PDB file of N, CA and C in Angstrom:
ATOM      1  N   MET A   1     -37.906-117.702-156.588  1.00  0.00           N
ATOM      2  CA  MET A   1     -37.847-116.343-157.047  1.00  0.00           C
ATOM      3  C   MET A   1     -39.276-115.884-157.344  1.00  0.00           C
ATOM      4  N   PRO A   2     -39.596-114.696-156.930  1.00  0.00           N
ATOM      5  CA  PRO A   2     -40.935-114.174-157.251  1.00  0.00           C
ATOM      6  C   PRO A   2     -41.015-113.736-158.712  1.00  0.00           C
ATOM      7  N   ALA A   3     -42.233-113.632-159.226  1.00  0.00           N
ATOM      8  CA  ALA A   3     -42.437-113.133-160.585  1.00  0.00           C
ATOM      9  C   ALA A   3     -41.858-111.721-160.685  1.00  0.00           C
ATOM     10  N   GLN A   4     -41.281-111.406-161.838  1.00  0.00           N
ATOM     11  CA  GLN A   4     -40.713-110.074-162.023  1.00  0.00           C
ATOM     12  C   GLN A   4     -40.446-109.801-163.498  1.00  0.00           C
ATOM     13  N   VAL A   5     -40.176-108.547-163.805  1.00  0.00           N
ATOM     14  CA  VAL A   5     -39.793-108.116-165.140  1.00  0.00           C
ATOM     15  C   VAL A   5     -38.342-107.644-165.053  1.00  0.00           C
ATOM     16  N   PHE A   6     -37.540-108.012-166.049  1.00  0.00           N
ATOM     17  CA  PHE A   6     -36.152-107.543-166.071  1.00  0.00           C
ATOM     18  C   PHE A   6     -35.785-107.156-167.495  1.00  0.00           C
ATOM     19  N   ARG A   7     -34.670-106.441-167.620  1.00  0.00           N
ATOM     20  CA  ARG A   7     -34.189-106.010-168.931  1.00  0.00           C
ATOM     21  C   ARG A   7     -33.080-106.962-169.380  1.00  0.00           C
ATOM     22  N   MET A   8     -33.253-107.555-170.555  1.00  0.00           N
ATOM     23  CA  MET A   8     -32.311-108.536-171.083  1.00  0.00           C
ATOM     24  C   MET A   8     -31.853-108.077-172.458  1.00  0.00           C
ATOM     25  N   GLY A   9     -30.599-108.311-172.783  1.00  0.00           N
ATOM     26  CA  GLY A   9     -30.119-108.047-174.130  1.00  0.00           C
ATOM     27  C   GLY A   9     -28.767-107.378-174.177  1.00  0.00           C
ATOM     28  N   ASP A  10     -28.380-107.046-175.377  1.00  0.00           N
ATOM     29  CA  ASP A  10     -27.082-106.459-175.673  1.00  0.00           C
ATOM     30  C   ASP A  10     -27.185-104.940-175.589  1.00  0.00           C
ATOM     31  N   ALA A  11     -26.622-104.348-174.545  1.00  0.00           N
ATOM     32  CA  ALA A  11     -26.736-102.907-174.319  1.00  0.00           C
ATOM     33  C   ALA A  11     -25.741-102.085-175.147  1.00  0.00           C
ATOM     34  N   ASP A  12     -24.639-102.701-175.604  1.00  0.00           N
ATOM     35  CA  ASP A  12     -23.624-101.900-176.306  1.00  0.00           C
ATOM     36  C   ASP A  12     -23.584-102.118-177.818  1.00  0.00           C
ATOM     37  N   GLY A  13     -24.417-103.016-178.330  1.00  0.00           N
ATOM     38  CA  GLY A  13     -24.482-103.224-179.775  1.00  0.00           C
ATOM     39  C   GLY A  13     -23.413-104.119-180.352  1.00  0.00           C
ATOM     40  N   ALA A  14     -22.590-104.721-179.500  1.00  0.00           N
ATOM     41  CA  ALA A  14     -21.516-105.587-179.985  1.00  0.00           C
ATOM     42  C   ALA A  14     -21.950-107.039-180.098  1.00  0.00           C
ATOM     43  N   GLY A  15     -23.194-107.335-179.786  1.00  0.00           N
ATOM     44  CA  GLY A  15     -23.676-108.711-179.759  1.00  0.00           C
ATOM     45  C   GLY A  15     -23.754-109.360-181.122  1.00  0.00           C
ATOM     46  N   ASN A  16     -23.997-110.647-181.106  1.00  0.00           N
ATOM     47  CA  ASN A  16     -24.108-111.427-182.331  1.00  0.00           C
ATOM     48  C   ASN A  16     -25.507-112.016-182.391  1.00  0.00           C
ATOM     49  N   SER A  17     -26.300-111.574-183.349  1.00  0.00           N
ATOM     50  CA  SER A  17     -27.675-112.057-183.448  1.00  0.00           C
ATOM     51  C   SER A  17     -27.726-113.550-183.727  1.00  0.00           C
ATOM     52  N   GLY A  18     -26.684-114.113-184.337  1.00  0.00           N
ATOM     53  CA  GLY A  18     -26.619-115.554-184.577  1.00  0.00           C
ATOM     54  C   GLY A  18     -26.585-116.362-183.302  1.00  0.00           C
ATOM     55  N   ASP A  19     -26.126-115.759-182.219  1.00  0.00           N
ATOM     56  CA  ASP A  19     -26.112-116.412-180.913  1.00  0.00           C
ATOM     57  C   ASP A  19     -27.355-116.050-180.100  1.00  0.00           C
ATOM     58  N   GLY A  20     -28.307-115.399-180.737  1.00  0.00           N
ATOM     59  CA  GLY A  20     -29.536-115.036-180.049  1.00  0.00           C
ATOM     60  C   GLY A  20     -29.461-113.746-179.272  1.00  0.00           C
ATOM     61  N   GLU A  21     -28.379-112.990-179.440  1.00  0.00           N
ATOM     62  CA  GLU A  21     -28.243-111.713-178.735  1.00  0.00           C
ATOM     63  C   GLU A  21     -29.058-110.660-179.467  1.00  0.00           C
ATOM     64  N   THR A  22     -29.905-109.972-178.726  1.00  0.00           N
ATOM     65  CA  THR A  22     -30.787-108.962-179.299  1.00  0.00           C
ATOM     66  C   THR A  22     -30.663-107.676-178.497  1.00  0.00           C
ATOM     67  N   PRO A  23     -31.180-106.574-179.038  1.00  0.00           N
ATOM     68  CA  PRO A  23     -31.154-105.327-178.255  1.00  0.00           C
ATOM     69  C   PRO A  23     -31.871-105.503-176.913  1.00  0.00           C
ATOM     70  N   VAL A  24     -31.558-104.636-175.982  1.00  0.00           N
ATOM     71  CA  VAL A  24     -32.167-104.694-174.650  1.00  0.00           C
ATOM     72  C   VAL A  24     -33.681-104.591-174.784  1.00  0.00           C
ATOM     73  N   HIS A  25     -34.369-105.471-174.083  1.00  0.00           N
ATOM     74  CA  HIS A  25     -35.824-105.481-174.073  1.00  0.00           C
ATOM     75  C   HIS A  25     -36.309-106.049-172.747  1.00  0.00           C
ATOM     76  N   GLU A  26     -37.536-105.729-172.385  1.00  0.00           N
ATOM     77  CA  GLU A  26     -38.094-106.223-171.129  1.00  0.00           C
ATOM     78  C   GLU A  26     -38.630-107.628-171.312  1.00  0.00           C
ATOM     79  N   VAL A  27     -38.385-108.455-170.311  1.00  0.00           N
ATOM     80  CA  VAL A  27     -38.862-109.835-170.291  1.00  0.00           C
ATOM     81  C   VAL A  27     -39.551-110.065-168.959  1.00  0.00           C
ATOM     82  N   GLY A  28     -40.722-110.656-168.991  1.00  0.00           N
ATOM     83  CA  GLY A  28     -41.445-110.990-167.768  1.00  0.00           C
ATOM     84  C   GLY A  28     -41.309-112.472-167.466  1.00  0.00           C
ATOM     85  N   LEU A  29     -41.028-112.776-166.212  1.00  0.00           N
ATOM     86  CA  LEU A  29     -40.889-114.166-165.779  1.00  0.00           C
ATOM     87  C   LEU A  29     -41.905-114.460-164.690  1.00  0.00           C
ATOM     88  N   ALA A  30     -42.512-115.630-164.772  1.00  0.00           N
ATOM     89  CA  ALA A  30     -43.359-116.106-163.684  1.00  0.00           C
ATOM     90  C   ALA A  30     -42.448-116.522-162.527  1.00  0.00           C
ATOM     91  N   GLY A  31     -42.996-116.652-161.340  1.00  0.00           N
ATOM     92  CA  GLY A  31     -42.213-117.117-160.197  1.00  0.00           C
ATOM     93  C   GLY A  31     -41.676-118.518-160.445  1.00  0.00           C
ATOM     94  N   PHE A  32     -40.523-118.838-159.855  1.00  0.00           N
ATOM     95  CA  PHE A  32     -39.924-120.160-160.039  1.00  0.00           C
ATOM     96  C   PHE A  32     -39.017-120.498-158.867  1.00  0.00           C
ATOM     97  N   SER A  33     -38.671-121.781-158.766  1.00  0.00           N
ATOM     98  CA  SER A  33     -37.700-122.260-157.783  1.00  0.00           C
ATOM     99  C   SER A  33     -36.406-122.569-158.518  1.00  0.00           C
ATOM    100  N   ILE A  34     -35.293-122.466-157.797  1.00  0.00           N
ATOM    101  CA  ILE A  34     -33.996-122.730-158.409  1.00  0.00           C
ATOM    102  C   ILE A  34     -33.071-123.349-157.369  1.00  0.00           C
ATOM    103  N   ASP A  35     -32.244-124.305-157.820  1.00  0.00           N
ATOM    104  CA  ASP A  35     -31.259-124.901-156.922  1.00  0.00           C
ATOM    105  C   ASP A  35     -30.195-123.881-156.556  1.00  0.00           C
ATOM    106  N   ALA A  36     -29.530-124.117-155.446  1.00  0.00           N
ATOM    107  CA  ALA A  36     -28.455-123.228-154.995  1.00  0.00           C
ATOM    108  C   ALA A  36     -27.207-123.376-155.863  1.00  0.00           C
ATOM    109  N   THR A  37     -27.053-124.527-156.524  1.00  0.00           N
ATOM    110  CA  THR A  37     -25.887-124.773-157.379  1.00  0.00           C
ATOM    111  C   THR A  37     -26.355-125.321-158.715  1.00  0.00           C
ATOM    112  N   THR A  38     -25.447-125.358-159.670  1.00  0.00           N
ATOM    113  CA  THR A  38     -25.766-125.950-160.967  1.00  0.00           C
ATOM    114  C   THR A  38     -25.924-127.463-160.825  1.00  0.00           C
ATOM    115  N   VAL A  39     -26.547-128.080-161.810  1.00  0.00           N
ATOM    116  CA  VAL A  39     -26.659-129.540-161.847  1.00  0.00           C
ATOM    117  C   VAL A  39     -25.309-130.077-162.310  1.00  0.00           C
ATOM    118  N   THR A  40     -24.722-130.935-161.503  1.00  0.00           N
ATOM    119  CA  THR A  40     -23.410-131.480-161.832  1.00  0.00           C
ATOM    120  C   THR A  40     -23.527-132.672-162.772  1.00  0.00           C
ATOM    121  N   ASN A  41     -22.406-133.035-163.388  1.00  0.00           N
ATOM    122  CA  ASN A  41     -22.362-134.242-164.206  1.00  0.00           C
ATOM    123  C   ASN A  41     -22.735-135.465-163.380  1.00  0.00           C
ATOM    124  N   ALA A  42     -22.277-135.528-162.133  1.00  0.00           N
ATOM    125  CA  ALA A  42     -22.597-136.668-161.272  1.00  0.00           C
ATOM    126  C   ALA A  42     -24.098-136.753-161.010  1.00  0.00           C
ATOM    127  N   ALA A  43     -24.738-135.624-160.721  1.00  0.00           N
ATOM    128  CA  ALA A  43     -26.181-135.632-160.463  1.00  0.00           C
ATOM    129  C   ALA A  43     -26.949-136.013-161.730  1.00  0.00           C
ATOM    130  N   PHE A  44     -26.533-135.502-162.867  1.00  0.00           N
ATOM    131  CA  PHE A  44     -27.225-135.838-164.115  1.00  0.00           C
ATOM    132  C   PHE A  44     -27.008-137.307-164.449  1.00  0.00           C
ATOM    133  N   ALA A  45     -25.826-137.836-164.196  1.00  0.00           N
ATOM    134  CA  ALA A  45     -25.552-139.258-164.440  1.00  0.00           C
ATOM    135  C   ALA A  45     -26.457-140.136-163.572  1.00  0.00           C
ATOM    136  N   ARG A  46     -26.691-139.725-162.317  1.00  0.00           N
ATOM    137  CA  ARG A  46     -27.611-140.480-161.451  1.00  0.00           C
ATOM    138  C   ARG A  46     -29.019-140.462-162.032  1.00  0.00           C
ATOM    139  N   PHE A  47     -29.461-139.300-162.499  1.00  0.00           N
ATOM    140  CA  PHE A  47     -30.774-139.169-163.123  1.00  0.00           C
ATOM    141  C   PHE A  47     -30.896-140.120-164.319  1.00  0.00           C
ATOM    142  N   VAL A  48     -29.893-140.139-165.182  1.00  0.00           N
ATOM    143  CA  VAL A  48     -29.920-141.002-166.362  1.00  0.00           C
ATOM    144  C   VAL A  48     -29.932-142.469-165.937  1.00  0.00           C
ATOM    145  N   ALA A  49     -29.101-142.828-164.965  1.00  0.00           N
ATOM    146  CA  ALA A  49     -29.049-144.217-164.500  1.00  0.00           C
ATOM    147  C   ALA A  49     -30.374-144.647-163.866  1.00  0.00           C
ATOM    148  N   ASP A  50     -30.997-143.754-163.115  1.00  0.00           N
ATOM    149  CA  ASP A  50     -32.250-144.079-162.427  1.00  0.00           C
ATOM    150  C   ASP A  50     -33.449-144.161-163.363  1.00  0.00           C
ATOM    151  N   THR A  51     -33.427-143.395-164.455  1.00  0.00           N
ATOM    152  CA  THR A  51     -34.609-143.291-165.312  1.00  0.00           C
ATOM    153  C   THR A  51     -34.427-143.876-166.707  1.00  0.00           C
ATOM    154  N   GLY A  52     -33.183-144.061-167.148  1.00  0.00           N
ATOM    155  CA  GLY A  52     -32.935-144.503-168.511  1.00  0.00           C
ATOM    156  C   GLY A  52     -33.145-143.397-169.532  1.00  0.00           C
ATOM    157  N   TYR A  53     -33.222-142.162-169.062  1.00  0.00           N
ATOM    158  CA  TYR A  53     -33.480-141.021-169.946  1.00  0.00           C
ATOM    159  C   TYR A  53     -32.393-140.893-171.006  1.00  0.00           C
ATOM    160  N   ARG A  54     -32.806-140.556-172.227  1.00  0.00           N
ATOM    161  CA  ARG A  54     -31.881-140.233-173.327  1.00  0.00           C
ATOM    162  C   ARG A  54     -32.073-138.773-173.680  1.00  0.00           C
ATOM    163  N   THR A  55     -30.967-138.060-173.774  1.00  0.00           N
ATOM    164  CA  THR A  55     -31.022-136.631-174.074  1.00  0.00           C
ATOM    165  C   THR A  55     -31.298-136.406-175.561  1.00  0.00           C
ATOM    166  N   ASP A  56     -31.692-135.174-175.864  1.00  0.00           N
ATOM    167  CA  ASP A  56     -31.918-134.820-177.261  1.00  0.00           C
ATOM    168  C   ASP A  56     -30.665-135.053-178.100  1.00  0.00           C
ATOM    169  N   SER A  57     -29.500-134.660-177.594  1.00  0.00           N
ATOM    170  CA  SER A  57     -28.284-134.829-178.402  1.00  0.00           C
ATOM    171  C   SER A  57     -27.966-136.304-178.632  1.00  0.00           C
ATOM    172  N   GLU A  58     -28.299-137.166-177.676  1.00  0.00           N
ATOM    173  CA  GLU A  58     -28.116-138.604-177.906  1.00  0.00           C
ATOM    174  C   GLU A  58     -29.066-139.095-178.994  1.00  0.00           C
ATOM    175  N   ASP A  59     -30.309-138.631-178.949  1.00  0.00           N
ATOM    176  CA  ASP A  59     -31.277-139.044-179.969  1.00  0.00           C
ATOM    177  C   ASP A  59     -30.919-138.487-181.341  1.00  0.00           C
ATOM    178  N   TYR A  60     -30.478-137.227-181.404  1.00  0.00           N
ATOM    179  CA  TYR A  60     -30.111-136.615-182.681  1.00  0.00           C
ATOM    180  C   TYR A  60     -28.801-137.193-183.225  1.00  0.00           C
ATOM    181  N   GLY A  61     -27.906-137.604-182.319  1.00  0.00           N
ATOM    182  CA  GLY A  61     -26.610-138.140-182.732  1.00  0.00           C
ATOM    183  C   GLY A  61     -25.502-137.111-182.835  1.00  0.00           C
ATOM    184  N   TYR A  62     -25.819-135.866-182.478  1.00  0.00           N
ATOM    185  CA  TYR A  62     -24.801-134.816-182.544  1.00  0.00           C
ATOM    186  C   TYR A  62     -25.220-133.650-181.656  1.00  0.00           C
ATOM    187  N   SER A  63     -24.266-132.740-181.430  1.00  0.00           N
ATOM    188  CA  SER A  63     -24.552-131.502-180.717  1.00  0.00           C
ATOM    189  C   SER A  63     -23.500-130.474-181.110  1.00  0.00           C
ATOM    190  N   ALA A  64     -23.690-129.241-180.648  1.00  0.00           N
ATOM    191  CA  ALA A  64     -22.752-128.163-180.948  1.00  0.00           C
ATOM    192  C   ALA A  64     -21.629-128.147-179.928  1.00  0.00           C
ATOM    193  N   VAL A  65     -20.410-127.976-180.405  1.00  0.00           N
ATOM    194  CA  VAL A  65     -19.221-127.933-179.554  1.00  0.00           C
ATOM    195  C   VAL A  65     -18.447-126.662-179.902  1.00  0.00           C
ATOM    196  N   PHE A  66     -17.989-125.943-178.881  1.00  0.00           N
ATOM    197  CA  PHE A  66     -17.147-124.771-179.097  1.00  0.00           C
ATOM    198  C   PHE A  66     -15.845-125.229-179.737  1.00  0.00           C
ATOM    199  N   HIS A  67     -15.428-124.551-180.784  1.00  0.00           N
ATOM    200  CA  HIS A  67     -14.303-125.021-181.596  1.00  0.00           C
ATOM    201  C   HIS A  67     -13.014-125.252-180.813  1.00  0.00           C
ATOM    202  N   LEU A  68     -12.747-124.481-179.781  1.00  0.00           N
ATOM    203  CA  LEU A  68     -11.503-124.661-179.018  1.00  0.00           C
ATOM    204  C   LEU A  68     -11.560-125.842-178.047  1.00  0.00           C
ATOM    205  N   ALA A  69     -12.749-126.398-177.820  1.00  0.00           N
ATOM    206  CA  ALA A  69     -12.908-127.538-176.905  1.00  0.00           C
ATOM    207  C   ALA A  69     -12.980-128.866-177.654  1.00  0.00           C
ATOM    208  N   LEU A  70     -12.983-128.856-178.953  1.00  0.00           N
ATOM    209  CA  LEU A  70     -13.233-130.038-179.776  1.00  0.00           C
ATOM    210  C   LEU A  70     -12.301-131.203-179.457  1.00  0.00           C
ATOM    211  N   ARG A  71     -12.900-132.369-179.237  1.00  0.00           N
ATOM    212  CA  ARG A  71     -12.172-133.627-179.052  1.00  0.00           C
ATOM    213  C   ARG A  71     -12.867-134.664-179.929  1.00  0.00           C
ATOM    214  N   ALA A  72     -12.546-134.627-181.209  1.00  0.00           N
ATOM    215  CA  ALA A  72     -13.202-135.491-182.183  1.00  0.00           C
ATOM    216  C   ALA A  72     -12.316-135.639-183.411  1.00  0.00           C
ATOM    217  N   GLU A  73     -12.602-136.660-184.184  1.00  0.00           N
ATOM    218  CA  GLU A  73     -11.932-136.844-185.470  1.00  0.00           C
ATOM    219  C   GLU A  73     -12.513-135.848-186.476  1.00  0.00           C
ATOM    220  N   PRO A  74     -11.761-135.447-187.476  1.00  0.00           N
ATOM    221  CA  PRO A  74     -12.284-134.501-188.475  1.00  0.00           C
ATOM    222  C   PRO A  74     -13.606-134.953-189.100  1.00  0.00           C
ATOM    223  N   ASP A  75     -13.758-136.262-189.342  1.00  0.00           N
ATOM    224  CA  ASP A  75     -14.993-136.764-189.953  1.00  0.00           C
ATOM    225  C   ASP A  75     -16.201-136.635-189.037  1.00  0.00           C
ATOM    226  N   ASP A  76     -15.983-136.408-187.723  1.00  0.00           N
ATOM    227  CA  ASP A  76     -17.092-136.240-186.787  1.00  0.00           C
ATOM    228  C   ASP A  76     -17.692-134.839-186.857  1.00  0.00           C
ATOM    229  N   VAL A  77     -16.969-133.892-187.437  1.00  0.00           N
ATOM    230  CA  VAL A  77     -17.482-132.528-187.580  1.00  0.00           C
ATOM    231  C   VAL A  77     -18.411-132.520-188.793  1.00  0.00           C
ATOM    232  N   ILE A  78     -19.695-132.258-188.542  1.00  0.00           N
ATOM    233  CA  ILE A  78     -20.674-132.360-189.620  1.00  0.00           C
ATOM    234  C   ILE A  78     -21.186-131.009-190.090  1.00  0.00           C
ATOM    235  N   GLY A  79     -20.731-129.934-189.476  1.00  0.00           N
ATOM    236  CA  GLY A  79     -21.166-128.627-189.926  1.00  0.00           C
ATOM    237  C   GLY A  79     -20.584-127.501-189.102  1.00  0.00           C
ATOM    238  N   GLN A  80     -20.597-126.322-189.704  1.00  0.00           N
ATOM    239  CA  GLN A  80     -20.112-125.111-189.051  1.00  0.00           C
ATOM    240  C   GLN A  80     -20.941-123.954-189.583  1.00  0.00           C
ATOM    241  N   PRO A  81     -21.879-123.446-188.774  1.00  0.00           N
ATOM    242  CA  PRO A  81     -22.734-122.363-189.270  1.00  0.00           C
ATOM    243  C   PRO A  81     -21.915-121.122-189.614  1.00  0.00           C
ATOM    244  N   PRO A  82     -22.138-120.520-190.782  1.00  0.00           N
ATOM    245  CA  PRO A  82     -21.358-119.337-191.161  1.00  0.00           C
ATOM    246  C   PRO A  82     -21.587-118.145-190.233  1.00  0.00           C
ATOM    247  N   GLN A  83     -22.778-118.066-189.600  1.00  0.00           N
ATOM    248  CA  GLN A  83     -23.061-116.945-188.703  1.00  0.00           C
ATOM    249  C   GLN A  83     -22.345-117.087-187.360  1.00  0.00           C
ATOM    250  N   THR A  84     -22.029-118.326-186.960  1.00  0.00           N
ATOM    251  CA  THR A  84     -21.374-118.582-185.672  1.00  0.00           C
ATOM    252  C   THR A  84     -20.271-119.620-185.873  1.00  0.00           C
ATOM    253  N   PRO A  85     -19.180-119.241-186.537  1.00  0.00           N
ATOM    254  CA  PRO A  85     -18.151-120.218-186.886  1.00  0.00           C
ATOM    255  C   PRO A  85     -17.415-120.812-185.692  1.00  0.00           C
ATOM    256  N   TRP A  86     -17.623-120.277-184.502  1.00  0.00           N
ATOM    257  CA  TRP A  86     -16.972-120.834-183.316  1.00  0.00           C
ATOM    258  C   TRP A  86     -17.711-122.061-182.792  1.00  0.00           C
ATOM    259  N   TRP A  87     -18.892-122.368-183.330  1.00  0.00           N
ATOM    260  CA  TRP A  87     -19.638-123.574-182.963  1.00  0.00           C
ATOM    261  C   TRP A  87     -19.538-124.585-184.094  1.00  0.00           C
ATOM    262  N   LEU A  88     -19.297-125.843-183.724  1.00  0.00           N
ATOM    263  CA  LEU A  88     -19.212-126.926-184.699  1.00  0.00           C
ATOM    264  C   LEU A  88     -20.282-127.958-184.394  1.00  0.00           C
ATOM    265  N   GLY A  89     -20.968-128.432-185.408  1.00  0.00           N
ATOM    266  CA  GLY A  89     -21.855-129.583-185.234  1.00  0.00           C
ATOM    267  C   GLY A  89     -20.985-130.825-185.188  1.00  0.00           C
ATOM    268  N   VAL A  90     -21.064-131.570-184.074  1.00  0.00           N
ATOM    269  CA  VAL A  90     -20.144-132.694-183.879  1.00  0.00           C
ATOM    270  C   VAL A  90     -20.930-133.970-183.588  1.00  0.00           C
ATOM    271  N   ARG A  91     -20.755-134.956-184.464  1.00  0.00           N
ATOM    272  CA  ARG A  91     -21.368-136.261-184.274  1.00  0.00           C
ATOM    273  C   ARG A  91     -20.779-136.903-183.017  1.00  0.00           C
ATOM    274  N   GLY A  92     -21.648-137.417-182.136  1.00  0.00           N
ATOM    275  CA  GLY A  92     -21.192-138.093-180.926  1.00  0.00           C
ATOM    276  C   GLY A  92     -20.999-137.188-179.728  1.00  0.00           C
ATOM    277  N   ALA A  93     -21.260-135.885-179.875  1.00  0.00           N
ATOM    278  CA  ALA A  93     -21.188-134.979-178.723  1.00  0.00           C
ATOM    279  C   ALA A  93     -22.506-135.084-177.954  1.00  0.00           C
ATOM    280  N   ASP A  94     -22.415-135.279-176.661  1.00  0.00           N
ATOM    281  CA  ASP A  94     -23.590-135.349-175.794  1.00  0.00           C
ATOM    282  C   ASP A  94     -23.139-135.077-174.366  1.00  0.00           C
ATOM    283  N   TRP A  95     -24.039-135.192-173.401  1.00  0.00           N
ATOM    284  CA  TRP A  95     -23.698-134.819-172.021  1.00  0.00           C
ATOM    285  C   TRP A  95     -22.538-135.644-171.473  1.00  0.00           C
ATOM    286  N   ALA A  96     -22.388-136.884-171.899  1.00  0.00           N
ATOM    287  CA  ALA A  96     -21.294-137.735-171.409  1.00  0.00           C
ATOM    288  C   ALA A  96     -20.019-137.584-172.236  1.00  0.00           C
ATOM    289  N   HIS A  97     -20.124-136.904-173.366  1.00  0.00           N
ATOM    290  CA  HIS A  97     -18.987-136.645-174.265  1.00  0.00           C
ATOM    291  C   HIS A  97     -19.090-135.183-174.703  1.00  0.00           C
ATOM    292  N   PRO A  98     -18.882-134.257-173.777  1.00  0.00           N
ATOM    293  CA  PRO A  98     -19.231-132.854-174.021  1.00  0.00           C
ATOM    294  C   PRO A  98     -18.424-132.148-175.103  1.00  0.00           C
ATOM    295  N   ALA A  99     -17.241-132.621-175.407  1.00  0.00           N
ATOM    296  CA  ALA A  99     -16.415-131.973-176.430  1.00  0.00           C
ATOM    297  C   ALA A  99     -16.324-132.810-177.695  1.00  0.00           C
ATOM    298  N   GLY A 100     -17.101-133.890-177.748  1.00  0.00           N
ATOM    299  CA  GLY A 100     -17.091-134.789-178.889  1.00  0.00           C
ATOM    300  C   GLY A 100     -16.813-136.208-178.446  1.00  0.00           C
ATOM    301  N   PRO A 101     -16.842-137.163-179.373  1.00  0.00           N
ATOM    302  CA  PRO A 101     -16.733-138.573-179.002  1.00  0.00           C
ATOM    303  C   PRO A 101     -15.402-138.981-178.380  1.00  0.00           C
ATOM    304  N   ARG A 102     -14.367-138.167-178.525  1.00  0.00           N
ATOM    305  CA  ARG A 102     -13.081-138.492-177.903  1.00  0.00           C
ATOM    306  C   ARG A 102     -12.937-137.852-176.530  1.00  0.00           C
ATOM    307  N   SER A 103     -14.010-137.270-176.009  1.00  0.00           N
ATOM    308  CA  SER A 103     -13.981-136.657-174.677  1.00  0.00           C
ATOM    309  C   SER A 103     -14.782-137.511-173.709  1.00  0.00           C
ATOM    310  N   SER A 104     -14.602-137.232-172.419  1.00  0.00           N
ATOM    311  CA  SER A 104     -15.332-137.966-171.387  1.00  0.00           C
ATOM    312  C   SER A 104     -15.567-137.034-170.207  1.00  0.00           C
ATOM    313  N   LEU A 105     -16.165-137.585-169.178  1.00  0.00           N
ATOM    314  CA  LEU A 105     -16.408-136.831-167.947  1.00  0.00           C
ATOM    315  C   LEU A 105     -15.350-137.120-166.886  1.00  0.00           C
ATOM    316  N   ASP A 106     -14.277-137.817-167.235  1.00  0.00           N
ATOM    317  CA  ASP A 106     -13.216-138.118-166.264  1.00  0.00           C
ATOM    318  C   ASP A 106     -12.727-136.837-165.600  1.00  0.00           C
ATOM    319  N   GLY A 107     -12.798-136.799-164.285  1.00  0.00           N
ATOM    320  CA  GLY A 107     -12.353-135.643-163.517  1.00  0.00           C
ATOM    321  C   GLY A 107     -13.344-134.491-163.515  1.00  0.00           C
ATOM    322  N   LEU A 108     -14.521-134.671-164.106  1.00  0.00           N
ATOM    323  CA  LEU A 108     -15.497-133.584-164.229  1.00  0.00           C
ATOM    324  C   LEU A 108     -16.799-133.870-163.481  1.00  0.00           C
ATOM    325  N   ALA A 109     -16.788-134.790-162.540  1.00  0.00           N
ATOM    326  CA  ALA A 109     -18.028-135.175-161.841  1.00  0.00           C
ATOM    327  C   ALA A 109     -18.723-133.995-161.179  1.00  0.00           C
ATOM    328  N   GLN A 110     -17.966-133.061-160.629  1.00  0.00           N
ATOM    329  CA  GLN A 110     -18.570-131.926-159.932  1.00  0.00           C
ATOM    330  C   GLN A 110     -18.696-130.675-160.808  1.00  0.00           C
ATOM    331  N   HIS A 111     -18.388-130.804-162.091  1.00  0.00           N
ATOM    332  CA  HIS A 111     -18.572-129.694-163.027  1.00  0.00           C
ATOM    333  C   HIS A 111     -20.028-129.650-163.486  1.00  0.00           C
ATOM    334  N   PRO A 112     -20.498-128.502-163.936  1.00  0.00           N
ATOM    335  CA  PRO A 112     -21.877-128.419-164.435  1.00  0.00           C
ATOM    336  C   PRO A 112     -22.070-129.292-165.674  1.00  0.00           C
ATOM    337  N   VAL A 113     -23.214-129.951-165.746  1.00  0.00           N
ATOM    338  CA  VAL A 113     -23.543-130.728-166.940  1.00  0.00           C
ATOM    339  C   VAL A 113     -23.744-129.765-168.107  1.00  0.00           C
ATOM    340  N   VAL A 114     -23.283-130.169-169.283  1.00  0.00           N
ATOM    341  CA  VAL A 114     -23.477-129.391-170.512  1.00  0.00           C
ATOM    342  C   VAL A 114     -24.037-130.326-171.582  1.00  0.00           C
ATOM    343  N   GLN A 115     -24.339-129.768-172.728  1.00  0.00           N
ATOM    344  CA  GLN A 115     -24.921-130.543-173.837  1.00  0.00           C
ATOM    345  C   GLN A 115     -26.310-131.068-173.484  1.00  0.00           C
ATOM    346  N   VAL A 116     -27.035-130.320-172.678  1.00  0.00           N
ATOM    347  CA  VAL A 116     -28.419-130.664-172.382  1.00  0.00           C
ATOM    348  C   VAL A 116     -29.325-129.565-172.934  1.00  0.00           C
ATOM    349  N   SER A 117     -30.442-129.973-173.478  1.00  0.00           N
ATOM    350  CA  SER A 117     -31.398-129.036-174.061  1.00  0.00           C
ATOM    351  C   SER A 117     -32.417-128.598-173.014  1.00  0.00           C
ATOM    352  N   TRP A 118     -33.272-127.698-173.407  1.00  0.00           N
ATOM    353  CA  TRP A 118     -34.379-127.288-172.553  1.00  0.00           C
ATOM    354  C   TRP A 118     -35.233-128.503-172.209  1.00  0.00           C
ATOM    355  N   ASN A 119     -35.488-129.369-173.192  1.00  0.00           N
ATOM    356  CA  ASN A 119     -36.273-130.585-172.933  1.00  0.00           C
ATOM    357  C   ASN A 119     -35.590-131.469-171.900  1.00  0.00           C
ATOM    358  N   ASP A 120     -34.263-131.604-172.011  1.00  0.00           N
ATOM    359  CA  ASP A 120     -33.509-132.432-171.060  1.00  0.00           C
ATOM    360  C   ASP A 120     -33.567-131.834-169.660  1.00  0.00           C
ATOM    361  N   ALA A 121     -33.404-130.527-169.568  1.00  0.00           N
ATOM    362  CA  ALA A 121     -33.473-129.858-168.257  1.00  0.00           C
ATOM    363  C   ALA A 121     -34.849-130.016-167.649  1.00  0.00           C
ATOM    364  N   ARG A 122     -35.875-129.896-168.462  1.00  0.00           N
ATOM    365  CA  ARG A 122     -37.234-130.057-167.967  1.00  0.00           C
ATOM    366  C   ARG A 122     -37.470-131.478-167.453  1.00  0.00           C
ATOM    367  N   ALA A 123     -36.981-132.485-168.174  1.00  0.00           N
ATOM    368  CA  ALA A 123     -37.115-133.874-167.724  1.00  0.00           C
ATOM    369  C   ALA A 123     -36.377-134.081-166.406  1.00  0.00           C
ATOM    370  N   TYR A 124     -35.193-133.520-166.281  1.00  0.00           N
ATOM    371  CA  TYR A 124     -34.433-133.633-165.022  1.00  0.00           C
ATOM    372  C   TYR A 124     -35.224-133.024-163.877  1.00  0.00           C
ATOM    373  N   CYS A 125     -35.764-131.856-164.080  1.00  0.00           N
ATOM    374  CA  CYS A 125     -36.514-131.169-163.024  1.00  0.00           C
ATOM    375  C   CYS A 125     -37.772-131.931-162.622  1.00  0.00           C
ATOM    376  N   ALA A 126     -38.409-132.555-163.600  1.00  0.00           N
ATOM    377  CA  ALA A 126     -39.638-133.319-163.309  1.00  0.00           C
ATOM    378  C   ALA A 126     -39.313-134.531-162.458  1.00  0.00           C
TER     379      ALA A 126
END
C-alpha cells in the first residue's frame, strides 16, 4: 500500500472512548506491505514452533477475553474494567487458549489468530 492519509474515528458519536474510539481525525500512514489474508492459527503455530517465541499474553499470564466467549473457571477471571465491562482479564488466555484456559484451537486452524499484541505481530512479521 502506498503512503496515504485517511480519516479514522467515530463519525456518529456513539463510540466508547474506553475502547479507544475517538472523534474522526486524519491519520497519516507510511507505505506498507500486507498479506492477502489474515494470519491463521496454523501459521502462527508454525512460527511459534520454529522460533520458540512466547507472546506477551503468555509472559503476562493473562489476556482480555470478550465476556460472551469466556471458557474459564470463575477464579481465572482477574478483572473487569468498569469502562469496558464486556472485556474480562482472564488468567491463562493466550493465542493457543483464546477464550481462556478451558478453550483450545481445535477446529480453528484456519481461523485468524487472536490474543496477539502489536509486539507479537511485529515478531511474526520479522
